[in-house]
PDB file of N, CA and C in Angstrom:
ATOM      1  N   MET A   1      81.823  25.182 -41.706  1.00  0.00           N
ATOM      2  CA  MET A   1      83.118  25.536 -40.983  1.00  0.00           C
ATOM      3  C   MET A   1      82.843  26.537 -40.352  1.00  0.00           C
ATOM      4  N   ALA A   2      83.529  26.787 -38.654  1.00  0.00           N
ATOM      5  CA  ALA A   2      83.054  27.532 -37.599  1.00  0.00           C
ATOM      6  C   ALA A   2      82.825  28.988 -37.725  1.00  0.00           C
ATOM      7  N   LYS A   3      82.075  29.656 -37.627  1.00  0.00           N
ATOM      8  CA  LYS A   3      81.793  30.913 -37.594  1.00  0.00           C
ATOM      9  C   LYS A   3      83.360  31.756 -37.274  1.00  0.00           C
ATOM     10  N   ASP A   4      83.953  30.909 -36.081  1.00  0.00           N
ATOM     11  CA  ASP A   4      85.184  31.690 -35.871  1.00  0.00           C
ATOM     12  C   ASP A   4      86.785  31.848 -37.364  1.00  0.00           C
ATOM     13  N   HIS A   5      86.303  31.083 -38.130  1.00  0.00           N
ATOM     14  CA  HIS A   5      87.081  31.279 -39.023  1.00  0.00           C
ATOM     15  C   HIS A   5      86.769  32.320 -40.049  1.00  0.00           C
ATOM     16  N   VAL A   6      85.274  32.318 -39.931  1.00  0.00           N
ATOM     17  CA  VAL A   6      85.257  33.332 -41.060  1.00  0.00           C
ATOM     18  C   VAL A   6      85.250  34.446 -40.649  1.00  0.00           C
ATOM     19  N   GLN A   7      85.387  34.790 -39.410  1.00  0.00           N
ATOM     20  CA  GLN A   7      85.706  35.836 -38.183  1.00  0.00           C
ATOM     21  C   GLN A   7      87.757  36.627 -38.826  1.00  0.00           C
ATOM     22  N   GLN A   8      87.997  35.085 -38.236  1.00  0.00           N
ATOM     23  CA  GLN A   8      89.294  35.490 -39.099  1.00  0.00           C
ATOM     24  C   GLN A   8      89.678  35.468 -40.826  1.00  0.00           C
ATOM     25  N   VAL A   9      88.881  35.178 -40.885  1.00  0.00           N
ATOM     26  CA  VAL A   9      89.805  35.377 -42.853  1.00  0.00           C
ATOM     27  C   VAL A   9      88.860  36.664 -43.246  1.00  0.00           C
ATOM     28  N   VAL A  10      87.632  37.394 -42.307  1.00  0.00           N
ATOM     29  CA  VAL A  10      86.850  38.854 -42.787  1.00  0.00           C
ATOM     30  C   VAL A  10      88.128  39.699 -41.983  1.00  0.00           C
ATOM     31  N   ILE A  11      88.902  39.285 -40.675  1.00  0.00           N
ATOM     32  CA  ILE A  11      89.448  40.096 -40.260  1.00  0.00           C
ATOM     33  C   ILE A  11      91.057  39.761 -40.798  1.00  0.00           C
ATOM     34  N   LYS A  12      91.035  39.259 -41.562  1.00  0.00           N
ATOM     35  CA  LYS A  12      92.832  39.195 -42.086  1.00  0.00           C
ATOM     36  C   LYS A  12      92.618  40.333 -43.443  1.00  0.00           C
ATOM     37  N   HIS A  13      91.548  39.839 -44.291  1.00  0.00           N
ATOM     38  CA  HIS A  13      91.194  40.807 -45.379  1.00  0.00           C
ATOM     39  C   HIS A  13      91.351  42.611 -44.812  1.00  0.00           C
ATOM     40  N   LEU A  14      90.199  42.806 -44.094  1.00  0.00           N
ATOM     41  CA  LEU A  14      90.524  43.655 -43.582  1.00  0.00           C
ATOM     42  C   LEU A  14      91.960  44.593 -43.406  1.00  0.00           C
ATOM     43  N   HIS A  15      92.591  43.617 -42.488  1.00  0.00           N
ATOM     44  CA  HIS A  15      94.071  44.155 -42.073  1.00  0.00           C
ATOM     45  C   HIS A  15      94.670  44.347 -43.542  1.00  0.00           C
ATOM     46  N   ARG A  16      94.610  43.464 -44.318  1.00  0.00           N
ATOM     47  CA  ARG A  16      95.314  43.606 -46.002  1.00  0.00           C
ATOM     48  C   ARG A  16      95.328  44.919 -46.279  1.00  0.00           C
ATOM     49  N   LEU A  17      93.835  45.653 -46.261  1.00  0.00           N
ATOM     50  CA  LEU A  17      93.172  46.544 -47.256  1.00  0.00           C
ATOM     51  C   LEU A  17      93.717  48.144 -46.076  1.00  0.00           C
ATOM     52  N   ILE A  18      93.387  47.658 -44.573  1.00  0.00           N
ATOM     53  CA  ILE A  18      93.486  48.093 -43.926  1.00  0.00           C
ATOM     54  C   ILE A  18      94.519  48.510 -43.104  1.00  0.00           C
ATOM     55  N   PRO A  19      95.657  48.217 -42.884  1.00  0.00           N
ATOM     56  CA  PRO A  19      96.976  47.800 -42.039  1.00  0.00           C
ATOM     57  C   PRO A  19      96.984  48.809 -40.937  1.00  0.00           C
ATOM     58  N   GLU A  20      96.264  49.769 -40.953  1.00  0.00           N
ATOM     59  CA  GLU A  20      96.102  50.601 -39.601  1.00  0.00           C
ATOM     60  C   GLU A  20      95.039  50.111 -38.695  1.00  0.00           C
ATOM     61  N   THR A  21      94.207  49.128 -38.897  1.00  0.00           N
ATOM     62  CA  THR A  21      93.266  47.866 -38.569  1.00  0.00           C
ATOM     63  C   THR A  21      94.312  46.931 -37.002  1.00  0.00           C
ATOM     64  N   ALA A  22      95.427  46.879 -37.711  1.00  0.00           N
ATOM     65  CA  ALA A  22      96.025  45.633 -37.406  1.00  0.00           C
ATOM     66  C   ALA A  22      96.649  46.435 -36.238  1.00  0.00           C
ATOM     67  N   ALA A  23      96.231  47.746 -35.605  1.00  0.00           N
ATOM     68  CA  ALA A  23      97.377  47.716 -34.513  1.00  0.00           C
ATOM     69  C   ALA A  23      97.047  47.877 -33.381  1.00  0.00           C
ATOM     70  N   ALA A  24      95.419  47.742 -33.139  1.00  0.00           N
ATOM     71  CA  ALA A  24      94.495  47.223 -31.485  1.00  0.00           C
ATOM     72  C   ALA A  24      93.499  46.012 -32.211  1.00  0.00           C
ATOM     73  N   PRO A  25      93.352  45.810 -30.879  1.00  0.00           N
ATOM     74  CA  PRO A  25      92.250  44.424 -31.626  1.00  0.00           C
ATOM     75  C   PRO A  25      90.957  45.317 -32.312  1.00  0.00           C
ATOM     76  N   VAL A  26      90.074  44.601 -33.210  1.00  0.00           N
ATOM     77  CA  VAL A  26      89.126  44.807 -34.204  1.00  0.00           C
ATOM     78  C   VAL A  26      87.628  44.827 -33.244  1.00  0.00           C
ATOM     79  N   ARG A  27      86.944  46.231 -33.029  1.00  0.00           N
ATOM     80  CA  ARG A  27      85.553  45.496 -32.315  1.00  0.00           C
ATOM     81  C   ARG A  27      84.733  45.682 -33.621  1.00  0.00           C
ATOM     82  N   LEU A  28      83.907  44.325 -33.639  1.00  0.00           N
ATOM     83  CA  LEU A  28      82.766  43.645 -34.466  1.00  0.00           C
ATOM     84  C   LEU A  28      81.777  44.213 -34.766  1.00  0.00           C
ATOM     85  N   ASP A  29      81.514  44.795 -33.640  1.00  0.00           N
ATOM     86  CA  ASP A  29      80.422  45.653 -33.628  1.00  0.00           C
ATOM     87  C   ASP A  29      80.533  47.385 -34.111  1.00  0.00           C
ATOM     88  N   ALA A  30      81.659  47.641 -34.024  1.00  0.00           N
ATOM     89  CA  ALA A  30      82.138  48.828 -34.563  1.00  0.00           C
ATOM     90  C   ALA A  30      81.468  49.509 -35.976  1.00  0.00           C
ATOM     91  N   PRO A  31      81.048  50.469 -36.393  1.00  0.00           N
ATOM     92  CA  PRO A  31      80.853  51.230 -37.722  1.00  0.00           C
ATOM     93  C   PRO A  31      81.509  50.764 -38.490  1.00  0.00           C
ATOM     94  N   LEU A  32      81.641  50.308 -39.964  1.00  0.00           N
ATOM     95  CA  LEU A  32      82.346  50.491 -40.520  1.00  0.00           C
ATOM     96  C   LEU A  32      83.246  51.807 -40.725  1.00  0.00           C
ATOM     97  N   ASN A  33      82.098  53.100 -41.042  1.00  0.00           N
ATOM     98  CA  ASN A  33      83.410  53.821 -40.973  1.00  0.00           C
ATOM     99  C   ASN A  33      84.174  54.407 -40.289  1.00  0.00           C
ATOM    100  N   GLU A  34      84.008  53.796 -38.735  1.00  0.00           N
ATOM    101  CA  GLU A  34      84.880  54.219 -37.203  1.00  0.00           C
ATOM    102  C   GLU A  34      85.929  53.535 -37.838  1.00  0.00           C
ATOM    103  N   LEU A  35      85.979  52.059 -38.656  1.00  0.00           N
ATOM    104  CA  LEU A  35      87.630  51.395 -38.909  1.00  0.00           C
ATOM    105  C   LEU A  35      88.057  52.441 -40.111  1.00  0.00           C
ATOM    106  N   GLY A  36      87.632  52.891 -40.638  1.00  0.00           N
ATOM    107  CA  GLY A  36      88.262  53.302 -42.220  1.00  0.00           C
ATOM    108  C   GLY A  36      87.496  52.942 -42.977  1.00  0.00           C
ATOM    109  N   VAL A  37      86.784  52.160 -43.209  1.00  0.00           N
ATOM    110  CA  VAL A  37      86.174  51.490 -44.365  1.00  0.00           C
ATOM    111  C   VAL A  37      85.113  52.196 -45.142  1.00  0.00           C
ATOM    112  N   ASP A  38      85.357  52.277 -46.083  1.00  0.00           N
ATOM    113  CA  ASP A  38      84.425  52.672 -46.805  1.00  0.00           C
ATOM    114  C   ASP A  38      83.960  51.699 -47.920  1.00  0.00           C
ATOM    115  N   SER A  39      82.624  52.418 -48.601  1.00  0.00           N
ATOM    116  CA  SER A  39      81.982  51.579 -49.962  1.00  0.00           C
ATOM    117  C   SER A  39      82.754  50.530 -50.296  1.00  0.00           C
ATOM    118  N   LEU A  40      83.586  51.475 -50.931  1.00  0.00           N
ATOM    119  CA  LEU A  40      84.699  50.611 -51.882  1.00  0.00           C
ATOM    120  C   LEU A  40      85.741  49.449 -50.825  1.00  0.00           C
ATOM    121  N   ASP A  41      86.155  50.077 -49.817  1.00  0.00           N
ATOM    122  CA  ASP A  41      86.968  48.396 -48.885  1.00  0.00           C
ATOM    123  C   ASP A  41      85.664  47.743 -48.509  1.00  0.00           C
ATOM    124  N   LEU A  42      84.630  47.805 -48.166  1.00  0.00           N
ATOM    125  CA  LEU A  42      83.673  46.853 -47.882  1.00  0.00           C
ATOM    126  C   LEU A  42      83.800  45.885 -49.136  1.00  0.00           C
ATOM    127  N   LEU A  43      83.172  46.073 -50.360  1.00  0.00           N
ATOM    128  CA  LEU A  43      82.953  45.222 -51.745  1.00  0.00           C
ATOM    129  C   LEU A  43      84.657  44.415 -51.650  1.00  0.00           C
ATOM    130  N   ASP A  44      85.643  44.926 -51.105  1.00  0.00           N
ATOM    131  CA  ASP A  44      86.888  44.558 -51.720  1.00  0.00           C
ATOM    132  C   ASP A  44      87.437  43.672 -50.279  1.00  0.00           C
ATOM    133  N   VAL A  45      86.996  43.696 -49.440  1.00  0.00           N
ATOM    134  CA  VAL A  45      86.676  42.488 -47.843  1.00  0.00           C
ATOM    135  C   VAL A  45      85.943  41.292 -48.125  1.00  0.00           C
ATOM    136  N   THR A  46      84.479  41.837 -48.434  1.00  0.00           N
ATOM    137  CA  THR A  46      83.791  40.778 -48.825  1.00  0.00           C
ATOM    138  C   THR A  46      84.203  39.985 -49.901  1.00  0.00           C
ATOM    139  N   SER A  47      85.101  40.540 -50.925  1.00  0.00           N
ATOM    140  CA  SER A  47      84.595  39.725 -52.329  1.00  0.00           C
ATOM    141  C   SER A  47      85.920  38.867 -51.670  1.00  0.00           C
ATOM    142  N   HIS A  48      87.258  39.583 -50.928  1.00  0.00           N
ATOM    143  CA  HIS A  48      88.104  38.550 -50.959  1.00  0.00           C
ATOM    144  C   HIS A  48      88.092  37.275 -50.000  1.00  0.00           C
ATOM    145  N   ALA A  49      86.998  37.735 -49.068  1.00  0.00           N
ATOM    146  CA  ALA A  49      86.437  36.735 -48.077  1.00  0.00           C
ATOM    147  C   ALA A  49      85.698  35.251 -48.730  1.00  0.00           C
ATOM    148  N   MET A  50      85.199  36.327 -49.365  1.00  0.00           N
ATOM    149  CA  MET A  50      83.923  35.716 -50.194  1.00  0.00           C
ATOM    150  C   MET A  50      84.527  34.112 -51.417  1.00  0.00           C
ATOM    151  N   MET A  51      85.636  34.779 -51.797  1.00  0.00           N
ATOM    152  CA  MET A  51      86.107  33.625 -52.887  1.00  0.00           C
ATOM    153  C   MET A  51      87.052  32.557 -52.111  1.00  0.00           C
ATOM    154  N   GLU A  52      87.928  33.283 -50.916  1.00  0.00           N
ATOM    155  CA  GLU A  52      88.193  32.416 -50.070  1.00  0.00           C
ATOM    156  C   GLU A  52      87.757  30.906 -49.259  1.00  0.00           C
ATOM    157  N   LEU A  53      86.278  31.495 -48.677  1.00  0.00           N
ATOM    158  CA  LEU A  53      85.750  30.794 -48.121  1.00  0.00           C
ATOM    159  C   LEU A  53      84.913  29.921 -49.436  1.00  0.00           C
ATOM    160  N   GLY A  54      84.401  30.346 -50.614  1.00  0.00           N
ATOM    161  CA  GLY A  54      83.768  29.721 -51.599  1.00  0.00           C
ATOM    162  C   GLY A  54      82.649  29.586 -51.153  1.00  0.00           C
ATOM    163  N   VAL A  55      82.080  31.330 -51.062  1.00  0.00           N
ATOM    164  CA  VAL A  55      80.378  31.324 -50.868  1.00  0.00           C
ATOM    165  C   VAL A  55      80.312  32.919 -51.659  1.00  0.00           C
ATOM    166  N   LYS A  56      78.693  33.321 -52.136  1.00  0.00           N
ATOM    167  CA  LYS A  56      78.482  34.339 -52.673  1.00  0.00           C
ATOM    168  C   LYS A  56      77.616  34.474 -51.696  1.00  0.00           C
ATOM    169  N   LEU A  57      77.401  35.786 -51.805  1.00  0.00           N
ATOM    170  CA  LEU A  57      76.160  37.098 -51.443  1.00  0.00           C
ATOM    171  C   LEU A  57      75.360  37.969 -52.103  1.00  0.00           C
ATOM    172  N   PRO A  58      74.435  37.583 -52.605  1.00  0.00           N
ATOM    173  CA  PRO A  58      73.792  38.661 -53.042  1.00  0.00           C
ATOM    174  C   PRO A  58      74.225  40.003 -52.597  1.00  0.00           C
ATOM    175  N   ARG A  59      74.326  40.828 -54.126  1.00  0.00           N
ATOM    176  CA  ARG A  59      74.536  42.307 -53.632  1.00  0.00           C
ATOM    177  C   ARG A  59      73.652  42.875 -52.843  1.00  0.00           C
ATOM    178  N   SER A  60      72.538  42.731 -52.433  1.00  0.00           N
ATOM    179  CA  SER A  60      71.666  43.557 -51.998  1.00  0.00           C
ATOM    180  C   SER A  60      71.723  43.108 -50.278  1.00  0.00           C
ATOM    181  N   GLU A  61      72.542  42.118 -50.131  1.00  0.00           N
ATOM    182  CA  GLU A  61      72.598  41.998 -48.650  1.00  0.00           C
ATOM    183  C   GLU A  61      73.990  42.400 -47.986  1.00  0.00           C
ATOM    184  N   VAL A  62      74.779  42.393 -49.632  1.00  0.00           N
ATOM    185  CA  VAL A  62      76.165  43.308 -48.949  1.00  0.00           C
ATOM    186  C   VAL A  62      75.831  44.578 -48.711  1.00  0.00           C
ATOM    187  N   SER A  63      75.118  45.467 -49.471  1.00  0.00           N
ATOM    188  CA  SER A  63      74.662  46.900 -49.488  1.00  0.00           C
ATOM    189  C   SER A  63      73.878  47.181 -48.275  1.00  0.00           C
ATOM    190  N   GLY A  64      73.331  46.235 -47.179  1.00  0.00           N
ATOM    191  CA  GLY A  64      73.195  46.497 -45.839  1.00  0.00           C
ATOM    192  C   GLY A  64      73.966  46.278 -44.819  1.00  0.00           C
ATOM    193  N   ILE A  65      75.308  46.268 -44.956  1.00  0.00           N
ATOM    194  CA  ILE A  65      76.269  45.741 -43.778  1.00  0.00           C
ATOM    195  C   ILE A  65      76.799  46.832 -43.622  1.00  0.00           C
ATOM    196  N   LYS A  66      76.356  47.281 -42.317  1.00  0.00           N
ATOM    197  CA  LYS A  66      77.036  48.304 -41.669  1.00  0.00           C
ATOM    198  C   LYS A  66      78.303  48.193 -40.718  1.00  0.00           C
ATOM    199  N   ARG A  67      78.397  46.750 -39.932  1.00  0.00           N
ATOM    200  CA  ARG A  67      79.177  46.557 -39.311  1.00  0.00           C
ATOM    201  C   ARG A  67      79.881  45.289 -39.274  1.00  0.00           C
ATOM    202  N   LEU A  68      81.410  44.785 -38.966  1.00  0.00           N
ATOM    203  CA  LEU A  68      82.069  43.289 -39.740  1.00  0.00           C
ATOM    204  C   LEU A  68      81.320  42.433 -38.645  1.00  0.00           C
ATOM    205  N   GLN A  69      80.603  42.597 -37.912  1.00  0.00           N
ATOM    206  CA  GLN A  69      79.562  41.474 -37.329  1.00  0.00           C
ATOM    207  C   GLN A  69      78.894  41.097 -38.317  1.00  0.00           C
ATOM    208  N   ASP A  70      78.013  41.742 -39.398  1.00  0.00           N
ATOM    209  CA  ASP A  70      77.099  42.018 -40.759  1.00  0.00           C
ATOM    210  C   ASP A  70      78.091  41.176 -41.301  1.00  0.00           C
ATOM    211  N   ILE A  71      78.817  41.507 -41.497  1.00  0.00           N
ATOM    212  CA  ILE A  71      80.096  40.810 -43.013  1.00  0.00           C
ATOM    213  C   ILE A  71      80.172  38.797 -42.224  1.00  0.00           C
ATOM    214  N   ILE A  72      80.437  39.209 -41.116  1.00  0.00           N
ATOM    215  CA  ILE A  72      80.808  38.047 -40.736  1.00  0.00           C
ATOM    216  C   ILE A  72      79.307  36.914 -40.686  1.00  0.00           C
ATOM    217  N   ASP A  73      78.226  37.729 -40.317  1.00  0.00           N
ATOM    218  CA  ASP A  73      77.091  36.911 -40.064  1.00  0.00           C
ATOM    219  C   ASP A  73      76.453  36.448 -41.336  1.00  0.00           C
ATOM    220  N   ALA A  74      77.091  37.314 -42.141  1.00  0.00           N
ATOM    221  CA  ALA A  74      76.224  36.985 -43.703  1.00  0.00           C
ATOM    222  C   ALA A  74      76.955  35.746 -44.212  1.00  0.00           C
ATOM    223  N   LEU A  75      78.198  35.716 -44.257  1.00  0.00           N
ATOM    224  CA  LEU A  75      79.146  34.972 -44.753  1.00  0.00           C
ATOM    225  C   LEU A  75      78.952  33.599 -44.122  1.00  0.00           C
ATOM    226  N   ASP A  76      78.512  33.596 -42.483  1.00  0.00           N
ATOM    227  CA  ASP A  76      78.627  32.144 -41.656  1.00  0.00           C
ATOM    228  C   ASP A  76      77.105  31.940 -42.324  1.00  0.00           C
ATOM    229  N   ARG A  77      75.806  32.371 -42.383  1.00  0.00           N
ATOM    230  CA  ARG A  77      74.932  32.018 -43.204  1.00  0.00           C
ATOM    231  C   ARG A  77      75.139  31.196 -44.706  1.00  0.00           C
ATOM    232  N   ALA A  78      76.014  32.346 -45.254  1.00  0.00           N
ATOM    233  CA  ALA A  78      76.070  31.651 -46.758  1.00  0.00           C
ATOM    234  C   ALA A  78      77.290  30.068 -46.637  1.00  0.00           C
ATOM    235  N   GLN A  79      77.673  30.015 -45.526  1.00  0.00           N
ATOM    236  CA  GLN A  79      78.729  28.854 -45.394  1.00  0.00           C
ATOM    237  C   GLN A  79      77.509  27.534 -45.089  1.00  0.00           C
ATOM    238  N   ASN A  80      76.464  27.891 -44.645  1.00  0.00           N
ATOM    239  CA  ASN A  80      75.304  26.767 -44.318  1.00  0.00           C
ATOM    240  C   ASN A  80      74.572  26.686 -44.884  1.00  0.00           C
ATOM    241  N   ASN A  81      74.406  27.712 -46.223  1.00  0.00           N
ATOM    242  CA  ASN A  81      73.164  27.263 -47.202  1.00  0.00           C
ATOM    243  C   ASN A  81      73.603  26.688 -48.432  1.00  0.00           C
ATOM    244  N   PRO A  82      73.335  25.950 -48.988  1.00  0.00           N
ATOM    245  CA  PRO A  82      74.068  25.480 -49.997  1.00  0.00           C
ATOM    246  C   PRO A  82      73.730  25.716 -51.400  1.00  0.00           C
ATOM    247  N   GLU A  83      72.930  26.777 -51.456  1.00  0.00           N
ATOM    248  CA  GLU A  83      72.527  27.258 -52.341  1.00  0.00           C
ATOM    249  C   GLU A  83      73.404  28.527 -53.689  1.00  0.00           C
ATOM    250  N   THR A  84      74.105  28.659 -52.071  1.00  0.00           N
ATOM    251  CA  THR A  84      74.761  30.174 -52.243  1.00  0.00           C
ATOM    252  C   THR A  84      76.222  29.979 -51.914  1.00  0.00           C
ATOM    253  N   SER A  85      76.910  28.610 -52.303  1.00  0.00           N
ATOM    254  CA  SER A  85      78.069  28.184 -52.470  1.00  0.00           C
ATOM    255  C   SER A  85      78.613  28.326 -53.857  1.00  0.00           C
ATOM    256  N   ALA A  86      80.139  28.808 -54.039  1.00  0.00           N
ATOM    257  CA  ALA A  86      79.936  29.313 -55.203  1.00  0.00           C
ATOM    258  C   ALA A  86      80.516  28.118 -56.281  1.00  0.00           C
ATOM    259  N   GLN A  87      80.742  27.804 -57.175  1.00  0.00           N
ATOM    260  CA  GLN A  87      80.518  26.696 -57.829  1.00  0.00           C
ATOM    261  C   GLN A  87      81.571  26.954 -58.886  1.00  0.00           C
TER     262      GLN A  87
END
């Protein structure tokens, strides 16, 4: 799947979790805390995106995420790696 699709999935789950983020375009390079995303929100957005995309990310990779673009990049890499597809 294309990286654009991954981005749409991540933003959809961000808007579902934090509706205020839907009021303006989301900056993918903004630190998550500027978007109102805390560590639990990060896990929620990432977990739902992983389920929808059918991939898994190691916890160590999730813990290093600081921006939305980091989530998108990690999920995109996971989609292109057969070892990380959820079975």
